[in-house]
PDB file of N, CA and C in Angstrom:
ATOM      1  N   UNK A   1       0.831  -1.191   0.000  1.00  0.00           N
ATOM      2  CA  UNK A   1       0.000   0.000   0.000  1.00  0.00           C
ATOM      3  C   UNK A   1       0.869   1.246   0.000  1.00  0.00           C
ATOM      4  N   UNK A   2       1.904   1.218   0.804  1.00  0.00           N
ATOM      5  CA  UNK A   2       2.825   2.346   0.885  1.00  0.00           C
ATOM      6  C   UNK A   2       3.575   2.515  -0.419  1.00  0.00           C
ATOM      7  N   UNK A   3       3.951   1.401  -0.997  1.00  0.00           N
ATOM      8  CA  UNK A   3       4.646   1.435  -2.289  1.00  0.00           C
ATOM      9  C   UNK A   3       3.726   1.975  -3.367  1.00  0.00           C
ATOM     10  N   UNK A   4       2.508   1.562  -3.268  1.00  0.00           N
ATOM     11  CA  UNK A   4       1.512   1.996  -4.247  1.00  0.00           C
ATOM     12  C   UNK A   4       1.343   3.505  -4.168  1.00  0.00           C
ATOM     13  N   UNK A   5       1.261   4.045  -2.948  1.00  0.00           N
ATOM     14  CA  UNK A   5       1.108   5.479  -2.746  1.00  0.00           C
ATOM     15  C   UNK A   5       2.334   6.219  -3.254  1.00  0.00           C
ATOM     16  N   UNK A   6       3.500   5.716  -2.976  1.00  0.00           N
ATOM     17  CA  UNK A   6       4.741   6.330  -3.453  1.00  0.00           C
ATOM     18  C   UNK A   6       4.787   6.340  -4.984  1.00  0.00           C
ATOM     19  N   UNK A   7       4.332   5.198  -5.551  1.00  0.00           N
ATOM     20  CA  UNK A   7       4.298   5.097  -7.013  1.00  0.00           C
ATOM     21  C   UNK A   7       3.336   6.135  -7.593  1.00  0.00           C
ATOM     22  N   UNK A   8       2.156   6.249  -7.010  1.00  0.00           N
ATOM     23  CA  UNK A   8       1.168   7.217  -7.484  1.00  0.00           C
ATOM     24  C   UNK A   8       1.663   8.643  -7.288  1.00  0.00           C
ATOM     25  N   UNK A   9       2.321   8.891  -6.145  1.00  0.00           N
ATOM     26  CA  UNK A   9       2.883  10.222  -5.899  1.00  0.00           C
ATOM     27  C   UNK A   9       3.968  10.538  -6.932  1.00  0.00           C
ATOM     28  N   UNK A  10       4.787   9.549  -7.228  1.00  0.00           N
ATOM     29  CA  UNK A  10       5.848   9.741  -8.220  1.00  0.00           C
ATOM     30  C   UNK A  10       5.237  10.025  -9.589  1.00  0.00           C
ATOM     31  N   UNK A  11       4.172   9.299  -9.925  1.00  0.00           N
ATOM     32  CA  UNK A  11       3.485   9.519 -11.206  1.00  0.00           C
ATOM     33  C   UNK A  11       2.894  10.923 -11.229  1.00  0.00           C
ATOM     34  N   UNK A  12       2.241  11.326 -10.137  1.00  0.00           N
ATOM     35  CA  UNK A  12       1.648  12.654 -10.053  1.00  0.00           C
ATOM     36  C   UNK A  12       2.714  13.736 -10.176  1.00  0.00           C
ATOM     37  N   UNK A  13       3.841  13.530  -9.493  1.00  0.00           N
ATOM     38  CA  UNK A  13       4.943  14.496  -9.563  1.00  0.00           C
ATOM     39  C   UNK A  13       5.487  14.601 -10.985  1.00  0.00           C
ATOM     40  N   UNK A  14       5.644  13.439 -11.626  1.00  0.00           N
ATOM     41  CA  UNK A  14       6.158  13.417 -12.991  1.00  0.00           C
ATOM     42  C   UNK A  14       5.198  14.157 -13.926  1.00  0.00           C
ATOM     43  N   UNK A  15       3.884  13.899 -13.751  1.00  0.00           N
ATOM     44  CA  UNK A  15       2.900  14.591 -14.581  1.00  0.00           C
ATOM     45  C   UNK A  15       2.915  16.084 -14.289  1.00  0.00           C
ATOM     46  N   UNK A  16       3.017  16.448 -13.030  1.00  0.00           N
ATOM     47  CA  UNK A  16       3.065  17.861 -12.642  1.00  0.00           C
ATOM     48  C   UNK A  16       4.310  18.523 -13.232  1.00  0.00           C
ATOM     49  N   UNK A  17       5.451  17.840 -13.133  1.00  0.00           N
ATOM     50  CA  UNK A  17       6.684  18.382 -13.700  1.00  0.00           C
ATOM     51  C   UNK A  17       6.587  18.505 -15.218  1.00  0.00           C
ATOM     52  N   UNK A  18       5.979  17.494 -15.841  1.00  0.00           N
ATOM     53  CA  UNK A  18       5.817  17.514 -17.291  1.00  0.00           C
ATOM     54  C   UNK A  18       4.908  18.677 -17.700  1.00  0.00           C
ATOM     55  N   UNK A  19       3.803  18.850 -16.940  1.00  0.00           N
ATOM     56  CA  UNK A  19       2.893  19.962 -17.242  1.00  0.00           C
ATOM     57  C   UNK A  19       3.579  21.301 -17.009  1.00  0.00           C
ATOM     58  N   UNK A  20       4.350  21.391 -15.942  1.00  0.00           N
ATOM     59  CA  UNK A  20       5.088  22.626 -15.638  1.00  0.00           C
ATOM     60  C   UNK A  20       6.093  22.924 -16.744  1.00  0.00           C
ATOM     61  N   UNK A  21       6.824  21.902 -17.197  1.00  0.00           N
ATOM     62  CA  UNK A  21       7.798  22.078 -18.276  1.00  0.00           C
ATOM     63  C   UNK A  21       7.097  22.511 -19.552  1.00  0.00           C
ATOM     64  N   UNK A  22       5.925  21.884 -19.804  1.00  0.00           N
ATOM     65  CA  UNK A  22       5.159  22.229 -21.008  1.00  0.00           C
ATOM     66  C   UNK A  22       4.683  23.680 -20.917  1.00  0.00           C
ATOM     67  N   UNK A  23       4.164  24.069 -19.747  1.00  0.00           N
ATOM     68  CA  UNK A  23       3.702  25.445 -19.558  1.00  0.00           C
ATOM     69  C   UNK A  23       4.856  26.435 -19.696  1.00  0.00           C
ATOM     70  N   UNK A  24       6.011  26.092 -19.116  1.00  0.00           N
ATOM     71  CA  UNK A  24       7.188  26.961 -19.231  1.00  0.00           C
ATOM     72  C   UNK A  24       7.612  27.098 -20.693  1.00  0.00           C
ATOM     73  N   UNK A  25       7.606  25.953 -21.395  1.00  0.00           N
ATOM     74  CA  UNK A  25       8.009  25.970 -22.803  1.00  0.00           C
ATOM     75  C   UNK A  25       7.027  26.802 -23.619  1.00  0.00           C
ATOM     76  N   UNK A  26       5.715  26.625 -23.364  1.00  0.00           N
ATOM     77  CA  UNK A  26       4.697  27.391 -24.079  1.00  0.00           C
ATOM     78  C   UNK A  26       4.819  28.884 -23.770  1.00  0.00           C
ATOM     79  N   UNK A  27       5.086  29.220 -22.512  1.00  0.00           N
ATOM     80  CA  UNK A  27       5.254  30.624 -22.132  1.00  0.00           C
ATOM     81  C   UNK A  27       6.486  31.211 -22.805  1.00  0.00           C
ATOM     82  N   UNK A  28       7.577  30.423 -22.826  1.00  0.00           N
ATOM     83  CA  UNK A  28       8.800  30.890 -23.476  1.00  0.00           C
ATOM     84  C   UNK A  28       8.578  31.077 -24.976  1.00  0.00           C
ATOM     85  N   UNK A  29       7.868  30.138 -25.594  1.00  0.00           N
ATOM     86  CA  UNK A  29       7.567  30.223 -27.022  1.00  0.00           C
ATOM     87  C   UNK A  29       6.674  31.431 -27.307  1.00  0.00           C
ATOM     88  N   UNK A  30       5.646  31.638 -26.484  1.00  0.00           N
ATOM     89  CA  UNK A  30       4.753  32.790 -26.655  1.00  0.00           C
ATOM     90  C   UNK A  30       5.533  34.093 -26.497  1.00  0.00           C
ATOM     91  N   UNK A  31       6.435  34.114 -25.531  1.00  0.00           N
ATOM     92  CA  UNK A  31       7.265  35.301 -25.313  1.00  0.00           C
ATOM     93  C   UNK A  31       8.158  35.565 -26.523  1.00  0.00           C
ATOM     94  N   UNK A  32       8.754  34.522 -27.067  1.00  0.00           N
ATOM     95  CA  UNK A  32       9.630  34.653 -28.234  1.00  0.00           C
ATOM     96  C   UNK A  32       8.835  35.122 -29.462  1.00  0.00           C
ATOM     97  N   UNK A  33       7.651  34.557 -29.643  1.00  0.00           N
ATOM     98  CA  UNK A  33       6.786  34.973 -30.757  1.00  0.00           C
ATOM     99  C   UNK A  33       6.421  36.446 -30.603  1.00  0.00           C
ATOM    100  N   UNK A  34       6.083  36.851 -29.406  1.00  0.00           N
ATOM    101  CA  UNK A  34       5.730  38.250 -29.147  1.00  0.00           C
ATOM    102  C   UNK A  34       6.919  39.170 -29.439  1.00  0.00           C
ATOM    103  N   UNK A  35       8.107  38.746 -29.022  1.00  0.00           N
ATOM    104  CA  UNK A  35       9.313  39.539 -29.256  1.00  0.00           C
ATOM    105  C   UNK A  35       9.589  39.686 -30.757  1.00  0.00           C
ATOM    106  N   UNK A  36       9.463  38.578 -31.488  1.00  0.00           N
ATOM    107  CA  UNK A  36       9.702  38.608 -32.937  1.00  0.00           C
ATOM    108  C   UNK A  36       8.669  39.493 -33.628  1.00  0.00           C
ATOM    109  N   UNK A  37       7.418  39.381 -33.195  1.00  0.00           N
ATOM    110  CA  UNK A  37       6.371  40.247 -33.772  1.00  0.00           C
ATOM    111  C   UNK A  37       6.685  41.715 -33.517  1.00  0.00           C
ATOM    112  N   UNK A  38       7.096  42.028 -32.300  1.00  0.00           N
ATOM    113  CA  UNK A  38       7.417  43.415 -31.962  1.00  0.00           C
ATOM    114  C   UNK A  38       8.599  43.911 -32.787  1.00  0.00           C
ATOM    115  N   UNK A  39       9.625  43.087 -32.935  1.00  0.00           N
ATOM    116  CA  UNK A  39      10.780  43.463 -33.762  1.00  0.00           C
ATOM    117  C   UNK A  39      10.355  43.694 -35.209  1.00  0.00           C
ATOM    118  N   UNK A  40       9.498  42.813 -35.718  1.00  0.00           N
ATOM    119  CA  UNK A  40       9.014  42.958 -37.092  1.00  0.00           C
ATOM    120  C   UNK A  40       8.229  44.255 -37.255  1.00  0.00           C
ATOM    121  N   UNK A  41       7.388  44.545 -36.286  1.00  0.00           N
ATOM    122  CA  UNK A  41       6.613  45.791 -36.319  1.00  0.00           C
ATOM    123  C   UNK A  41       7.547  46.996 -36.280  1.00  0.00           C
ATOM    124  N   UNK A  42       8.547  46.943 -35.401  1.00  0.00           N
ATOM    125  CA  UNK A  42       9.505  48.051 -35.305  1.00  0.00           C
ATOM    126  C   UNK A  42      10.280  48.225 -36.607  1.00  0.00           C
ATOM    127  N   UNK A  43      10.712  47.112 -37.192  1.00  0.00           N
ATOM    128  CA  UNK A  43      11.457  47.184 -38.460  1.00  0.00           C
ATOM    129  C   UNK A  43      10.576  47.745 -39.575  1.00  0.00           C
ATOM    130  N   UNK A  44       9.333  47.292 -39.627  1.00  0.00           N
ATOM    131  CA  UNK A  44       8.415  47.792 -40.660  1.00  0.00           C
ATOM    132  C   UNK A  44       8.185  49.287 -40.470  1.00  0.00           C
ATOM    133  N   UNK A  45       8.015  49.711 -39.233  1.00  0.00           N
ATOM    134  CA  UNK A  45       7.826  51.137 -38.941  1.00  0.00           C
ATOM    135  C   UNK A  45       9.049  51.927 -39.378  1.00  0.00           C
ATOM    136  N   UNK A  46      10.228  51.419 -39.064  1.00  0.00           N
ATOM    137  CA  UNK A  46      11.466  52.101 -39.469  1.00  0.00           C
ATOM    138  C   UNK A  46      11.596  52.157 -40.988  1.00  0.00           C
ATOM    139  N   UNK A  47      11.243  51.054 -41.659  1.00  0.00           N
ATOM    140  CA  UNK A  47      11.317  51.033 -43.121  1.00  0.00           C
ATOM    141  C   UNK A  47      10.381  52.069 -43.728  1.00  0.00           C
ATOM    142  N   UNK A  48       9.158  52.151 -43.223  1.00  0.00           N
ATOM    143  CA  UNK A  48       8.214  53.145 -43.726  1.00  0.00           C
ATOM    144  C   UNK A  48       8.736  54.555 -43.469  1.00  0.00           C
ATOM    145  N   UNK A  49       9.298  54.758 -42.282  1.00  0.00           N
ATOM    146  CA  UNK A  49       9.829  56.080 -41.928  1.00  0.00           C
ATOM    147  C   UNK A  49      10.988  56.448 -42.852  1.00  0.00           C
ATOM    148  N   UNK A  50      11.918  55.517 -43.052  1.00  0.00           N
ATOM    149  CA  UNK A  50      13.072  55.790 -43.906  1.00  0.00           C
ATOM    150  C   UNK A  50      12.640  56.002 -45.349  1.00  0.00           C
ATOM    151  N   UNK A  51      11.670  55.214 -45.808  1.00  0.00           N
ATOM    152  CA  UNK A  51      11.189  55.378 -47.178  1.00  0.00           C
ATOM    153  C   UNK A  51      10.550  56.753 -47.348  1.00  0.00           C
ATOM    154  N   UNK A  52       9.803  57.188 -46.352  1.00  0.00           N
ATOM    155  CA  UNK A  52       9.182  58.518 -46.413  1.00  0.00           C
ATOM    156  C   UNK A  52      10.250  59.606 -46.421  1.00  0.00           C
ATOM    157  N   UNK A  53      11.303  59.425 -45.621  1.00  0.00           N
ATOM    158  CA  UNK A  53      12.392  60.413 -45.591  1.00  0.00           C
ATOM    159  C   UNK A  53      13.111  60.474 -46.938  1.00  0.00           C
ATOM    160  N   UNK A  54      13.388  59.305 -47.511  1.00  0.00           N
ATOM    161  CA  UNK A  54      14.055  59.258 -48.820  1.00  0.00           C
ATOM    162  C   UNK A  54      13.175  59.913 -49.869  1.00  0.00           C
ATOM    163  N   UNK A  55      11.891  59.599 -49.844  1.00  0.00           N
ATOM    164  CA  UNK A  55      10.953  60.175 -50.808  1.00  0.00           C
ATOM    165  C   UNK A  55      10.939  61.696 -50.671  1.00  0.00           C
ATOM    166  N   UNK A  56      10.908  62.184 -49.443  1.00  0.00           N
ATOM    167  CA  UNK A  56      10.871  63.633 -49.223  1.00  0.00           C
ATOM    168  C   UNK A  56      12.160  64.292 -49.698  1.00  0.00           C
ATOM    169  N   UNK A  57      13.306  63.657 -49.429  1.00  0.00           N
ATOM    170  CA  UNK A  57      14.581  64.220 -49.911  1.00  0.00           C
ATOM    171  C   UNK A  57      14.609  64.260 -51.431  1.00  0.00           C
ATOM    172  N   UNK A  58      14.218  63.167 -52.051  1.00  0.00           N
ATOM    173  CA  UNK A  58      14.210  63.122 -53.520  1.00  0.00           C
ATOM    174  C   UNK A  58      13.239  64.151 -54.087  1.00  0.00           C
ATOM    175  N   UNK A  59      12.091  64.285 -53.440  1.00  0.00           N
ATOM    176  CA  UNK A  59      11.110  65.268 -53.881  1.00  0.00           C
ATOM    177  C   UNK A  59      11.674  66.683 -53.767  1.00  0.00           C
ATOM    178  N   UNK A  60      12.350  66.966 -52.655  1.00  0.00           N
ATOM    179  CA  UNK A  60      12.951  68.293 -52.468  1.00  0.00           C
ATOM    180  C   UNK A  60      14.011  68.545 -53.542  1.00  0.00           C
ATOM    181  N   UNK A  61      14.814  67.535 -53.840  1.00  0.00           N
ATOM    182  CA  UNK A  61      15.839  67.687 -54.874  1.00  0.00           C
ATOM    183  C   UNK A  61      15.196  67.913 -56.239  1.00  0.00           C
ATOM    184  N   UNK A  62      14.134  67.196 -56.520  1.00  0.00           N
ATOM    185  CA  UNK A  62      13.445  67.375 -57.796  1.00  0.00           C
ATOM    186  C   UNK A  62      12.814  68.766 -57.893  1.00  0.00           C
ATOM    187  N   UNK A  63      12.231  69.239 -56.792  1.00  0.00           N
ATOM    188  CA  UNK A  63      11.652  70.589 -56.799  1.00  0.00           C
ATOM    189  C   UNK A  63      12.742  71.630 -57.032  1.00  0.00           C
ATOM    190  N   UNK A  64      13.884  71.442 -56.388  1.00  0.00           N
ATOM    191  CA  UNK A  64      15.008  72.381 -56.563  1.00  0.00           C
ATOM    192  C   UNK A  64      15.514  72.336 -57.998  1.00  0.00           C
ATOM    193  N   UNK A  65      15.637  71.142 -58.555  1.00  0.00           N
ATOM    194  CA  UNK A  65      16.082  70.995 -59.942  1.00  0.00           C
ATOM    195  C   UNK A  65      15.084  71.648 -60.886  1.00  0.00           C
ATOM    196  N   UNK A  66      13.814  71.491 -60.597  1.00  0.00           N
ATOM    197  CA  UNK A  66      12.777  72.102 -61.432  1.00  0.00           C
ATOM    198  C   UNK A  66      12.920  73.620 -61.405  1.00  0.00           C
ATOM    199  N   UNK A  67      13.142  74.192 -60.215  1.00  0.00           N
ATOM    200  CA  UNK A  67      13.334  75.646 -60.111  1.00  0.00           C
ATOM    201  C   UNK A  67      14.539  76.079 -60.933  1.00  0.00           C
ATOM    202  N   UNK A  68      15.633  75.317 -60.813  1.00  0.00           N
ATOM    203  CA  UNK A  68      16.850  75.662 -61.564  1.00  0.00           C
ATOM    204  C   UNK A  68      16.589  75.628 -63.062  1.00  0.00           C
ATOM    205  N   UNK A  69      15.896  74.596 -63.519  1.00  0.00           N
ATOM    206  CA  UNK A  69      15.609  74.458 -64.948  1.00  0.00           C
ATOM    207  C   UNK A  69      14.669  75.572 -65.411  1.00  0.00           C
ATOM    208  N   UNK A  70      13.676  75.901 -64.584  1.00  0.00           N
ATOM    209  CA  UNK A  70      12.765  76.988 -64.950  1.00  0.00           C
ATOM    210  C   UNK A  70      13.514  78.322 -65.033  1.00  0.00           C
ATOM    211  N   UNK A  71      14.426  78.566 -64.095  1.00  0.00           N
ATOM    212  CA  UNK A  71      15.225  79.791 -64.132  1.00  0.00           C
ATOM    213  C   UNK A  71      16.103  79.826 -65.382  1.00  0.00           C
ATOM    214  N   UNK A  72      16.697  78.691 -65.701  1.00  0.00           N
ATOM    215  CA  UNK A  72      17.531  78.602 -66.902  1.00  0.00           C
ATOM    216  C   UNK A  72      16.698  78.840 -68.155  1.00  0.00           C
ATOM    217  N   UNK A  73      15.481  78.315 -68.169  1.00  0.00           N
ATOM    218  CA  UNK A  73      14.585  78.523 -69.305  1.00  0.00           C
ATOM    219  C   UNK A  73      14.263  80.004 -69.476  1.00  0.00           C
ATOM    220  N   UNK A  74      13.965  80.680 -68.387  1.00  0.00           N
ATOM    221  CA  UNK A  74      13.689  82.119 -68.448  1.00  0.00           C
ATOM    222  C   UNK A  74      14.909  82.849 -68.986  1.00  0.00           C
ATOM    223  N   UNK A  75      16.082  82.479 -68.483  1.00  0.00           N
ATOM    224  CA  UNK A  75      17.331  83.097 -68.945  1.00  0.00           C
ATOM    225  C   UNK A  75      17.518  82.872 -70.452  1.00  0.00           C
ATOM    226  N   UNK A  76      17.289  81.648 -70.902  1.00  0.00           N
ATOM    227  CA  UNK A  76      17.441  81.328 -72.327  1.00  0.00           C
ATOM    228  C   UNK A  76      16.425  82.087 -73.173  1.00  0.00           C
ATOM    229  N   UNK A  77      15.187  82.162 -72.701  1.00  0.00           N
ATOM    230  CA  UNK A  77      14.159  82.899 -73.442  1.00  0.00           C
ATOM    231  C   UNK A  77      14.535  84.377 -73.554  1.00  0.00           C
ATOM    232  N   UNK A  78      15.054  84.929 -72.460  1.00  0.00           N
ATOM    233  CA  UNK A  78      15.476  86.331 -72.499  1.00  0.00           C
ATOM    234  C   UNK A  78      16.625  86.510 -73.481  1.00  0.00           C
ATOM    235  N   UNK A  79      17.572  85.585 -73.446  1.00  0.00           N
ATOM    236  CA  UNK A  79      18.699  85.647 -74.375  1.00  0.00           C
ATOM    237  C   UNK A  79      18.231  85.528 -75.818  1.00  0.00           C
ATOM    238  N   UNK A  80      17.271  84.651 -76.058  1.00  0.00           N
ATOM    239  CA  UNK A  80      16.726  84.477 -77.402  1.00  0.00           C
ATOM    240  C   UNK A  80      16.015  85.744 -77.862  1.00  0.00           C
ATOM    241  N   UNK A  81      15.258  86.348 -76.971  1.00  0.00           N
ATOM    242  CA  UNK A  81      14.570  87.595 -77.326  1.00  0.00           C
ATOM    243  C   UNK A  81      15.581  88.686 -77.680  1.00  0.00           C
ATOM    244  N   UNK A  82      16.634  88.778 -76.878  1.00  0.00           N
ATOM    245  CA  UNK A  82      17.677  89.768 -77.166  1.00  0.00           C
ATOM    246  C   UNK A  82      18.340  89.482 -78.505  1.00  0.00           C
ATOM    247  N   UNK A  83      18.623  88.217 -78.758  1.00  0.00           N
ATOM    248  CA  UNK A  83      19.259  87.838 -80.023  1.00  0.00           C
ATOM    249  C   UNK A  83      18.336  88.157 -81.202  1.00  0.00           C
ATOM    250  N   UNK A  84      17.049  87.890 -81.048  1.00  0.00           N
ATOM    251  CA  UNK A  84      16.090  88.203 -82.119  1.00  0.00           C
ATOM    252  C   UNK A  84      16.038  89.711 -82.375  1.00  0.00           C
ATOM    253  N   UNK A  85      16.010  90.472 -81.286  1.00  0.00           N
ATOM    254  CA  UNK A  85      15.986  91.930 -81.444  1.00  0.00           C
ATOM    255  C   UNK A  85      17.242  92.420 -82.156  1.00  0.00           C
ATOM    256  N   UNK A  86      18.398  91.871 -81.771  1.00  0.00           N
ATOM    257  CA  UNK A  86      19.656  92.258 -82.431  1.00  0.00           C
ATOM    258  C   UNK A  86      19.621  91.842 -83.899  1.00  0.00           C
ATOM    259  N   UNK A  87      19.128  90.643 -84.178  1.00  0.00           N
ATOM    260  CA  UNK A  87      19.039  90.161 -85.557  1.00  0.00           C
ATOM    261  C   UNK A  87      18.125  91.069 -86.376  1.00  0.00           C
ATOM    262  N   UNK A  88      16.963  91.364 -85.806  1.00  0.00           N
ATOM    263  CA  UNK A  88      16.016  92.231 -86.516  1.00  0.00           C
ATOM    264  C   UNK A  88      16.628  93.611 -86.770  1.00  0.00           C
ATOM    265  N   UNK A  89      17.345  94.137 -85.780  1.00  0.00           N
ATOM    266  CA  UNK A  89      17.992  95.444 -85.948  1.00  0.00           C
ATOM    267  C   UNK A  89      19.051  95.369 -87.044  1.00  0.00           C
ATOM    268  N   UNK A  90      19.847  94.317 -87.053  1.00  0.00           N
ATOM    269  CA  UNK A  90      20.885  94.161 -88.080  1.00  0.00           C
ATOM    270  C   UNK A  90      20.256  93.994 -89.464  1.00  0.00           C
ATOM    271  N   UNK A  91      19.178  93.216 -89.527  1.00  0.00           N
ATOM    272  CA  UNK A  91      18.507  93.032 -90.812  1.00  0.00           C
ATOM    273  C   UNK A  91      17.922  94.346 -91.310  1.00  0.00           C
ATOM    274  N   UNK A  92      17.352  95.157 -90.407  1.00  0.00           N
ATOM    275  CA  UNK A  92      16.816  96.469 -90.794  1.00  0.00           C
ATOM    276  C   UNK A  92      17.950  97.376 -91.262  1.00  0.00           C
ATOM    277  N   UNK A  93      19.067  97.328 -90.518  1.00  0.00           N
ATOM    278  CA  UNK A  93      20.239  98.132 -90.909  1.00  0.00           C
ATOM    279  C   UNK A  93      20.755  97.669 -92.273  1.00  0.00           C
ATOM    280  N   UNK A  94      20.827  96.378 -92.481  1.00  0.00           N
ATOM    281  CA  UNK A  94      21.278  95.818 -93.749  1.00  0.00           C
ATOM    282  C   UNK A  94      20.354  96.252 -94.893  1.00  0.00           C
ATOM    283  N   UNK A  95      19.053  96.175 -94.661  1.00  0.00           N
ATOM    284  CA  UNK A  95      18.078  96.586 -95.689  1.00  0.00           C
ATOM    285  C   UNK A  95      18.246  98.073 -96.002  1.00  0.00           C
ATOM    286  N   UNK A  96      18.501  98.865 -94.975  1.00  0.00           N
ATOM    287  CA  UNK A  96      18.686 100.311 -95.180  1.00  0.00           C
ATOM    288  C   UNK A  96      19.933 100.570 -96.010  1.00  0.00           C
ATOM    289  N   UNK A  97      21.058  99.904 -95.630  1.00  0.00           N
ATOM    290  CA  UNK A  97      22.316 100.087 -96.364  1.00  0.00           C
ATOM    291  C   UNK A  97      22.148  99.599 -97.793  1.00  0.00           C
ATOM    292  N   UNK A  98      21.503  98.466 -97.977  1.00  0.00           N
ATOM    293  CA  UNK A  98      21.272  97.913 -99.306  1.00  0.00           C
ATOM    294  C   UNK A  98      20.445  98.884-100.157  1.00  0.00           C
ATOM    295  N   UNK A  99      19.417  99.448 -99.554  1.00  0.00           N
ATOM    296  CA  UNK A  99      18.578 100.419-100.269  1.00  0.00           C
ATOM    297  C   UNK A  99      19.392 101.652-100.652  1.00  0.00           C
ATOM    298  N   UNK A 100      20.216 102.113 -99.705  1.00  0.00           N
ATOM    299  CA  UNK A 100      21.062 103.286 -99.991  1.00  0.00           C
ATOM    300  C   UNK A 100      22.026 102.976-101.129  1.00  0.00           C
ATOM    301  N   UNK A 101      22.627 101.793-101.089  1.00  0.00           N
ATOM    302  CA  UNK A 101      23.590 101.416-102.131  1.00  0.00           C
ATOM    303  C   UNK A 101      22.888 101.275-103.488  1.00  0.00           C
ATOM    304  N   UNK A 102      21.685 100.743-103.498  1.00  0.00           N
ATOM    305  CA  UNK A 102      20.942 100.631-104.750  1.00  0.00           C
ATOM    306  C   UNK A 102      20.634 102.018-105.315  1.00  0.00           C
ATOM    307  N   UNK A 103      20.303 102.959-104.443  1.00  0.00           N
ATOM    308  CA  UNK A 103      20.055 104.340-104.891  1.00  0.00           C
ATOM    309  C   UNK A 103      21.339 104.954-105.453  1.00  0.00           C
ATOM    310  N   UNK A 104      22.445 104.667-104.772  1.00  0.00           N
ATOM    311  CA  UNK A 104      23.722 105.185-105.257  1.00  0.00           C
ATOM    312  C   UNK A 104      24.034 104.616-106.646  1.00  0.00           C
ATOM    313  N   UNK A 105      23.786 103.323-106.817  1.00  0.00           N
ATOM    314  CA  UNK A 105      24.031 102.679-108.117  1.00  0.00           C
ATOM    315  C   UNK A 105      23.142 103.322-109.179  1.00  0.00           C
ATOM    316  N   UNK A 106      21.889 103.545-108.836  1.00  0.00           N
ATOM    317  CA  UNK A 106      20.961 104.178-109.786  1.00  0.00           C
ATOM    318  C   UNK A 106      21.469 105.575-110.139  1.00  0.00           C
ATOM    319  N   UNK A 107      21.927 106.331-109.138  1.00  0.00           N
ATOM    320  CA  UNK A 107      22.444 107.682-109.383  1.00  0.00           C
ATOM    321  C   UNK A 107      23.678 107.637-110.281  1.00  0.00           C
ATOM    322  N   UNK A 108      24.575 106.686-109.973  1.00  0.00           N
ATOM    323  CA  UNK A 108      25.803 106.565-110.778  1.00  0.00           C
ATOM    324  C   UNK A 108      25.443 106.185-112.211  1.00  0.00           C
ATOM    325  N   UNK A 109      24.517 105.273-112.417  1.00  0.00           N
ATOM    326  CA  UNK A 109      24.105 104.876-113.769  1.00  0.00           C
ATOM    327  C   UNK A 109      23.474 106.080-114.505  1.00  0.00           C
ATOM    328  N   UNK A 110      22.712 106.850-113.746  1.00  0.00           N
ATOM    329  CA  UNK A 110      22.099 108.035-114.349  1.00  0.00           C
ATOM    330  C   UNK A 110      23.168 109.025-114.793  1.00  0.00           C
ATOM    331  N   UNK A 111      24.166 109.192-113.922  1.00  0.00           N
ATOM    332  CA  UNK A 111      25.265 110.109-114.268  1.00  0.00           C
ATOM    333  C   UNK A 111      26.046 109.590-115.471  1.00  0.00           C
ATOM    334  N   UNK A 112      26.249 108.289-115.519  1.00  0.00           N
ATOM    335  CA  UNK A 112      26.957 107.692-116.645  1.00  0.00           C
ATOM    336  C   UNK A 112      26.137 107.845-117.939  1.00  0.00           C
ATOM    337  N   UNK A 113      24.849 107.666-117.816  1.00  0.00           N
ATOM    338  CA  UNK A 113      23.989 107.783-118.971  1.00  0.00           C
ATOM    339  C   UNK A 113      23.996 109.217-119.492  1.00  0.00           C
ATOM    340  N   UNK A 114      24.075 110.194-118.616  1.00  0.00           N
ATOM    341  CA  UNK A 114      24.106 111.592-119.008  1.00  0.00           C
ATOM    342  C   UNK A 114      25.427 111.887-119.706  1.00  0.00           C
ATOM    343  N   UNK A 115      26.539 111.326-119.227  1.00  0.00           N
ATOM    344  CA  UNK A 115      27.856 111.570-119.785  1.00  0.00           C
ATOM    345  C   UNK A 115      27.984 110.905-121.148  1.00  0.00           C
ATOM    346  N   UNK A 116      27.300 109.881-121.362  1.00  0.00           N
ATOM    347  CA  UNK A 116      27.422 109.163-122.639  1.00  0.00           C
ATOM    348  C   UNK A 116      26.591 109.791-123.649  1.00  0.00           C
TER     349      UNK A 116
END
């Protein structure tokens, strides 16, 4: 009877220890899963944050480049307008000189015709 009780107590202790080990293992596993989930969440948050920062930097650089290109375009348009004005002035001057020279030629031919 005493042996039987000791045997049953030993069985109960073994089951209790097994259940305790199982509970400890499950708690440790749950803790590890929770830790990994938290790390994953933190990493995802950091990735989103860094991606937003990179996007904002690139956007700022693109906006700055756009301003530079727009300023250069204005400068080029102004230069083109000045060049056109100079060209038009030179062409008008050329037409005037050409007209004057044609009149001179006509006058010289008239004088030659009178002398002949």
